[in-house]
Amino acid sequence: MTHKPSAGESTELKWFRSSYSDSSNSNECVEVATVPGAVHVRDSKDVRGPHLGFAPTTWEAFLAYASAN
C-alpha cells in the first residue's frame, strides 16, 4: 500500500535508518517507522513524499527473504 501522508502526519512517526545503511552514500537509504499494526517505509531522499505501509507479518517475511539472499 502506498500512502501520501497528510500535513503533520510524517512527523508523528518515529523514523530510523537501518544499521546496514551505507552512511557514506545517503542516496541509497530507506527509513522505517513502526506503529502497532503497521510498518512504514520511505525514501530517505524524499521524506515528505509517499511511503509504503506493510502489515508486520509481511514486513517480517520480507526481512527473512532479504537476509537470506
N, C-alpha and C. Protein backbone atom coordinates (compact mmCIF):
# COMPACT_ATOMS: atom_id res chain seq x y z
N MET A 1 0.84 -1.17 0.00
CA MET A 1 0.00 0.00 0.00
C MET A 1 0.89 1.23 0.00
N THR A 2 0.61 2.17 -0.88
CA THR A 2 1.31 3.45 -0.90
C THR A 2 0.45 4.47 -0.17
N HIS A 3 1.10 5.30 0.60
CA HIS A 3 0.37 6.26 1.42
C HIS A 3 1.01 7.62 1.28
N LYS A 4 0.25 8.63 0.92
CA LYS A 4 0.73 10.01 0.88
C LYS A 4 0.31 10.65 2.20
N PRO A 5 1.29 10.96 3.06
CA PRO A 5 0.93 11.50 4.38
C PRO A 5 0.29 12.87 4.29
N SER A 6 -0.63 13.12 5.19
CA SER A 6 -1.24 14.44 5.29
C SER A 6 -0.31 15.35 6.08
N ALA A 7 -0.62 16.61 6.11
CA ALA A 7 0.22 17.58 6.80
C ALA A 7 0.43 17.18 8.25
N GLY A 8 1.66 17.08 8.67
CA GLY A 8 1.99 16.76 10.04
C GLY A 8 2.05 15.28 10.36
N GLU A 9 1.52 14.44 9.50
CA GLU A 9 1.45 13.01 9.81
C GLU A 9 2.82 12.36 9.85
N SER A 10 3.72 12.70 8.92
CA SER A 10 5.04 12.08 8.89
C SER A 10 5.84 12.40 10.14
N THR A 11 5.61 13.56 10.72
CA THR A 11 6.36 13.92 11.91
C THR A 11 5.90 13.13 13.13
N GLU A 12 4.70 12.55 13.07
CA GLU A 12 4.20 11.75 14.19
C GLU A 12 4.88 10.39 14.25
N LEU A 13 5.37 9.90 13.13
CA LEU A 13 6.05 8.61 13.09
C LEU A 13 7.51 8.81 13.49
N LYS A 14 8.06 7.84 14.17
CA LYS A 14 9.47 7.91 14.57
C LYS A 14 10.28 7.07 13.58
N TRP A 15 10.92 7.75 12.63
CA TRP A 15 11.65 7.12 11.54
C TRP A 15 13.08 6.80 11.96
N PHE A 16 13.61 5.69 11.45
CA PHE A 16 15.02 5.35 11.68
C PHE A 16 15.59 4.67 10.45
N ARG A 17 16.91 4.72 10.34
CA ARG A 17 17.61 4.06 9.24
C ARG A 17 18.22 2.77 9.74
N SER A 18 18.31 1.83 8.84
CA SER A 18 18.91 0.56 9.17
C SER A 18 20.37 0.72 9.52
N SER A 19 20.85 -0.10 10.43
CA SER A 19 22.29 -0.09 10.75
C SER A 19 23.10 -0.60 9.57
N TYR A 20 22.45 -1.23 8.60
CA TYR A 20 23.14 -1.71 7.40
C TYR A 20 23.24 -0.64 6.33
N SER A 21 22.62 0.51 6.52
CA SER A 21 22.69 1.59 5.55
C SER A 21 24.10 2.11 5.43
N ASP A 22 24.48 2.44 4.23
CA ASP A 22 25.82 2.97 3.96
C ASP A 22 25.82 4.46 4.29
N SER A 23 26.40 4.84 5.39
CA SER A 23 26.40 6.24 5.81
C SER A 23 27.20 7.13 4.88
N SER A 24 28.08 6.56 4.05
CA SER A 24 28.85 7.37 3.11
C SER A 24 28.05 7.70 1.86
N ASN A 25 26.89 7.04 1.67
CA ASN A 25 26.06 7.29 0.50
C ASN A 25 24.60 7.39 0.94
N SER A 26 24.20 8.58 1.34
CA SER A 26 22.83 8.76 1.85
C SER A 26 21.78 8.69 0.75
N ASN A 27 22.20 8.60 -0.52
CA ASN A 27 21.25 8.49 -1.62
C ASN A 27 20.67 7.09 -1.77
N GLU A 28 21.20 6.12 -1.07
CA GLU A 28 20.73 4.74 -1.19
C GLU A 28 20.23 4.24 0.16
N CYS A 29 19.28 4.93 0.70
CA CYS A 29 18.83 4.58 2.04
C CYS A 29 17.32 4.69 2.14
N VAL A 30 16.74 3.79 2.90
CA VAL A 30 15.33 3.88 3.25
C VAL A 30 15.22 4.07 4.74
N GLU A 31 14.11 4.59 5.16
CA GLU A 31 13.83 4.77 6.57
C GLU A 31 12.56 4.00 6.92
N VAL A 32 12.50 3.53 8.15
CA VAL A 32 11.41 2.70 8.61
C VAL A 32 10.82 3.31 9.88
N ALA A 33 9.51 3.21 10.01
CA ALA A 33 8.81 3.62 11.23
C ALA A 33 7.80 2.53 11.57
N THR A 34 7.74 2.15 12.82
CA THR A 34 6.78 1.12 13.22
C THR A 34 5.74 1.70 14.17
N VAL A 35 4.53 1.24 14.00
CA VAL A 35 3.41 1.56 14.89
C VAL A 35 2.64 0.26 15.09
N PRO A 36 1.81 0.18 16.09
CA PRO A 36 1.04 -1.06 16.26
C PRO A 36 0.24 -1.38 14.99
N GLY A 37 0.49 -2.55 14.44
CA GLY A 37 -0.26 -3.00 13.27
C GLY A 37 0.29 -2.59 11.93
N ALA A 38 1.40 -1.85 11.87
CA ALA A 38 1.93 -1.42 10.58
C ALA A 38 3.42 -1.09 10.66
N VAL A 39 4.08 -1.30 9.53
CA VAL A 39 5.47 -0.89 9.35
C VAL A 39 5.48 0.02 8.13
N HIS A 40 6.02 1.22 8.29
CA HIS A 40 6.07 2.20 7.20
C HIS A 40 7.50 2.31 6.69
N VAL A 41 7.65 2.45 5.37
CA VAL A 41 8.95 2.57 4.74
C VAL A 41 8.91 3.76 3.79
N ARG A 42 9.97 4.58 3.81
CA ARG A 42 10.03 5.73 2.90
C ARG A 42 11.44 5.91 2.38
N ASP A 43 11.54 6.67 1.31
CA ASP A 43 12.82 7.03 0.70
C ASP A 43 13.43 8.15 1.52
N SER A 44 14.66 7.98 1.96
CA SER A 44 15.29 9.00 2.81
C SER A 44 15.56 10.30 2.05
N LYS A 45 15.56 10.25 0.71
CA LYS A 45 15.78 11.47 -0.08
C LYS A 45 14.51 12.30 -0.21
N ASP A 46 13.35 11.70 0.07
CA ASP A 46 12.07 12.38 -0.12
C ASP A 46 11.19 12.13 1.10
N VAL A 47 11.61 12.66 2.23
CA VAL A 47 10.93 12.36 3.50
C VAL A 47 9.50 12.89 3.55
N ARG A 48 9.17 13.86 2.75
CA ARG A 48 7.79 14.39 2.73
C ARG A 48 6.94 13.69 1.68
N GLY A 49 7.55 12.82 0.90
CA GLY A 49 6.83 12.10 -0.14
C GLY A 49 6.06 10.92 0.40
N PRO A 50 5.52 10.13 -0.50
CA PRO A 50 4.73 8.96 -0.09
C PRO A 50 5.58 7.90 0.58
N HIS A 51 4.95 7.06 1.35
CA HIS A 51 5.65 5.93 1.94
C HIS A 51 4.78 4.69 1.81
N LEU A 52 5.41 3.55 1.95
CA LEU A 52 4.71 2.28 1.86
C LEU A 52 4.35 1.80 3.25
N GLY A 53 3.22 1.15 3.36
CA GLY A 53 2.81 0.57 4.63
C GLY A 53 2.61 -0.93 4.49
N PHE A 54 3.11 -1.69 5.44
CA PHE A 54 3.02 -3.13 5.42
C PHE A 54 2.47 -3.66 6.74
N ALA A 55 1.79 -4.78 6.66
CA ALA A 55 1.42 -5.49 7.88
C ALA A 55 2.72 -6.03 8.49
N PRO A 56 2.83 -6.09 9.80
CA PRO A 56 4.06 -6.58 10.42
C PRO A 56 4.50 -7.97 9.92
N THR A 57 3.54 -8.86 9.69
CA THR A 57 3.91 -10.20 9.21
C THR A 57 4.49 -10.15 7.80
N THR A 58 3.99 -9.26 6.97
CA THR A 58 4.53 -9.09 5.62
C THR A 58 5.94 -8.53 5.68
N TRP A 59 6.17 -7.56 6.54
CA TRP A 59 7.50 -6.98 6.70
C TRP A 59 8.49 -8.02 7.22
N GLU A 60 8.08 -8.81 8.19
CA GLU A 60 8.94 -9.87 8.71
C GLU A 60 9.32 -10.89 7.63
N ALA A 61 8.35 -11.24 6.78
CA ALA A 61 8.63 -12.17 5.69
C ALA A 61 9.62 -11.56 4.70
N PHE A 62 9.46 -10.27 4.40
CA PHE A 62 10.41 -9.60 3.52
C PHE A 62 11.81 -9.60 4.11
N LEU A 63 11.93 -9.28 5.38
CA LEU A 63 13.25 -9.24 6.02
C LEU A 63 13.91 -10.62 6.01
N ALA A 64 13.14 -11.66 6.26
CA ALA A 64 13.68 -13.02 6.22
C ALA A 64 14.18 -13.35 4.81
N TYR A 65 13.40 -12.98 3.81
CA TYR A 65 13.79 -13.22 2.42
C TYR A 65 15.06 -12.42 2.06
N ALA A 66 15.06 -11.13 2.40
CA ALA A 66 16.18 -10.27 2.04
C ALA A 66 17.48 -10.70 2.74
N SER A 67 17.38 -11.14 3.97
CA SER A 67 18.59 -11.53 4.70
C SER A 67 19.13 -12.88 4.23
N ALA A 68 18.29 -13.69 3.60
CA ALA A 68 18.73 -14.99 3.10
C ALA A 68 19.38 -14.88 1.72
N ASN A 69 19.21 -13.75 1.05
CA ASN A 69 19.74 -13.60 -0.30
C ASN A 69 20.88 -12.63 -0.37
